[in-house]
């Protein structure tokens, strides 16, 4: 997710491009509508990038927690296997 957020940041829409559509290049109403839409889209884009960055942090934290749990389980299993001794059934006591 962090890579996705970084890639989105690289493809970000630059608001200065809207200056090319200003009067006299286009009708003032069209230029205004484009600017309003462009600013809204830019804000939504920034929100999406921030959300993806925050989610990637949460996913990484959760993955670290699972890794620690897996390592603890592996340690316990290794301890059990290395500290245990096998006794044939006829030598076991109740």
Protein backbone atom coordinates (compact mmCIF):
# COMPACT_ATOMS: atom_id res chain seq x y z
CA UNK A 1 0.00 0.00 0.00
CA UNK A 2 2.83 2.35 0.77
CA UNK A 3 4.17 1.79 -2.75
CA UNK A 4 0.73 2.52 -4.16
CA UNK A 5 0.55 5.77 -2.21
CA UNK A 6 4.02 6.71 -3.44
CA UNK A 7 3.07 5.91 -7.05
CA UNK A 8 -0.09 7.98 -6.73
CA UNK A 9 1.96 10.87 -5.39
CA UNK A 10 4.18 10.69 -8.48
CA UNK A 11 1.14 10.93 -10.78
CA UNK A 12 -0.43 13.81 -8.89
CA UNK A 13 -2.52 16.36 -10.78
CA UNK A 14 -0.86 19.77 -10.56
CA UNK A 15 -3.20 22.69 -10.01
CA UNK A 16 -0.98 25.02 -12.04
CA UNK A 17 -2.27 23.23 -15.16
CA UNK A 18 -5.62 24.92 -14.57
CA UNK A 19 -3.95 28.26 -15.24
CA UNK A 20 -3.69 27.27 -18.90
CA UNK A 21 -7.49 27.08 -19.08
CA UNK A 22 -8.04 30.53 -17.56
CA UNK A 23 -9.49 33.48 -19.43
CA UNK A 24 -8.81 34.24 -22.35
CA UNK A 25 -7.98 30.62 -23.28
CA UNK A 26 -11.53 29.59 -22.34
CA UNK A 27 -14.79 31.18 -21.28
CA UNK A 28 -14.62 32.53 -17.68
CA UNK A 29 -17.49 30.25 -16.58
CA UNK A 30 -15.73 27.22 -18.02
CA UNK A 31 -12.44 28.24 -16.41
CA UNK A 32 -14.18 28.69 -13.05
CA UNK A 33 -15.94 25.31 -13.30
CA UNK A 34 -12.67 23.62 -14.22
CA UNK A 35 -10.88 25.26 -11.29
CA UNK A 36 -13.60 24.24 -8.81
CA UNK A 37 -13.56 20.67 -10.11
CA UNK A 38 -9.75 20.55 -10.24
CA UNK A 39 -9.40 21.78 -6.66
CA UNK A 40 -12.01 19.30 -5.46
CA UNK A 41 -10.30 16.44 -7.32
CA UNK A 42 -6.93 17.54 -5.95
CA UNK A 43 -8.28 17.52 -2.38
CA UNK A 44 -9.83 14.08 -2.88
CA UNK A 45 -6.57 12.83 -4.32
CA UNK A 46 -4.60 14.12 -1.33
CA UNK A 47 -7.08 12.44 1.01
CA UNK A 48 -6.72 9.13 -0.83
CA UNK A 49 -2.91 9.28 -0.64
CA UNK A 50 -3.04 10.10 3.08
CA UNK A 51 -5.49 7.25 3.68
CA UNK A 52 -3.33 4.74 1.81
CA UNK A 53 -0.23 5.85 3.72
CA UNK A 54 -2.08 5.50 7.04
CA UNK A 55 -3.43 2.08 6.07
CA UNK A 56 0.03 0.88 5.07
CA UNK A 57 1.31 1.86 8.51
CA UNK A 58 -1.51 -0.09 10.18
CA UNK A 59 -0.91 -3.14 7.96
CA UNK A 60 2.81 -3.05 8.75
CA UNK A 61 2.09 -2.83 12.49
CA UNK A 62 -0.31 -5.77 12.26
CA UNK A 63 2.21 -7.79 10.24
CA UNK A 64 4.89 -7.12 12.85
CA UNK A 65 2.51 -8.39 15.55
CA UNK A 66 1.84 -11.58 13.62
CA UNK A 67 5.55 -12.07 13.02
CA UNK A 68 6.27 -11.79 16.75
CA UNK A 69 3.49 -14.30 17.48
CA UNK A 70 4.87 -16.69 14.85
CA UNK A 71 8.37 -16.37 16.29
CA UNK A 72 7.09 -17.08 19.81
CA UNK A 73 5.22 -20.14 18.55
CA UNK A 74 8.31 -21.37 16.71
CA UNK A 75 10.42 -20.87 19.85
CA UNK A 76 7.93 -22.81 21.97
CA UNK A 77 7.78 -25.64 19.44
CA UNK A 78 11.58 -25.78 19.18
CA UNK A 79 11.89 -25.86 22.97
CA UNK A 80 9.32 -28.63 23.19
CA UNK A 81 11.04 -30.71 20.51
CA UNK A 82 14.60 -30.21 21.76
CA UNK A 83 13.81 -30.67 25.46
CA UNK A 84 11.60 -33.73 25.01
CA UNK A 85 12.74 -37.31 25.05
CA UNK A 86 11.05 -40.18 23.31
CA UNK A 87 10.04 -43.16 25.40
CA UNK A 88 8.67 -46.28 23.81
CA UNK A 89 5.15 -47.19 24.90
CA UNK A 90 6.29 -50.11 27.07
CA UNK A 91 8.59 -47.80 29.09
CA UNK A 92 6.04 -45.11 29.82
CA UNK A 93 4.54 -44.74 33.26
CA UNK A 94 1.13 -43.47 34.05
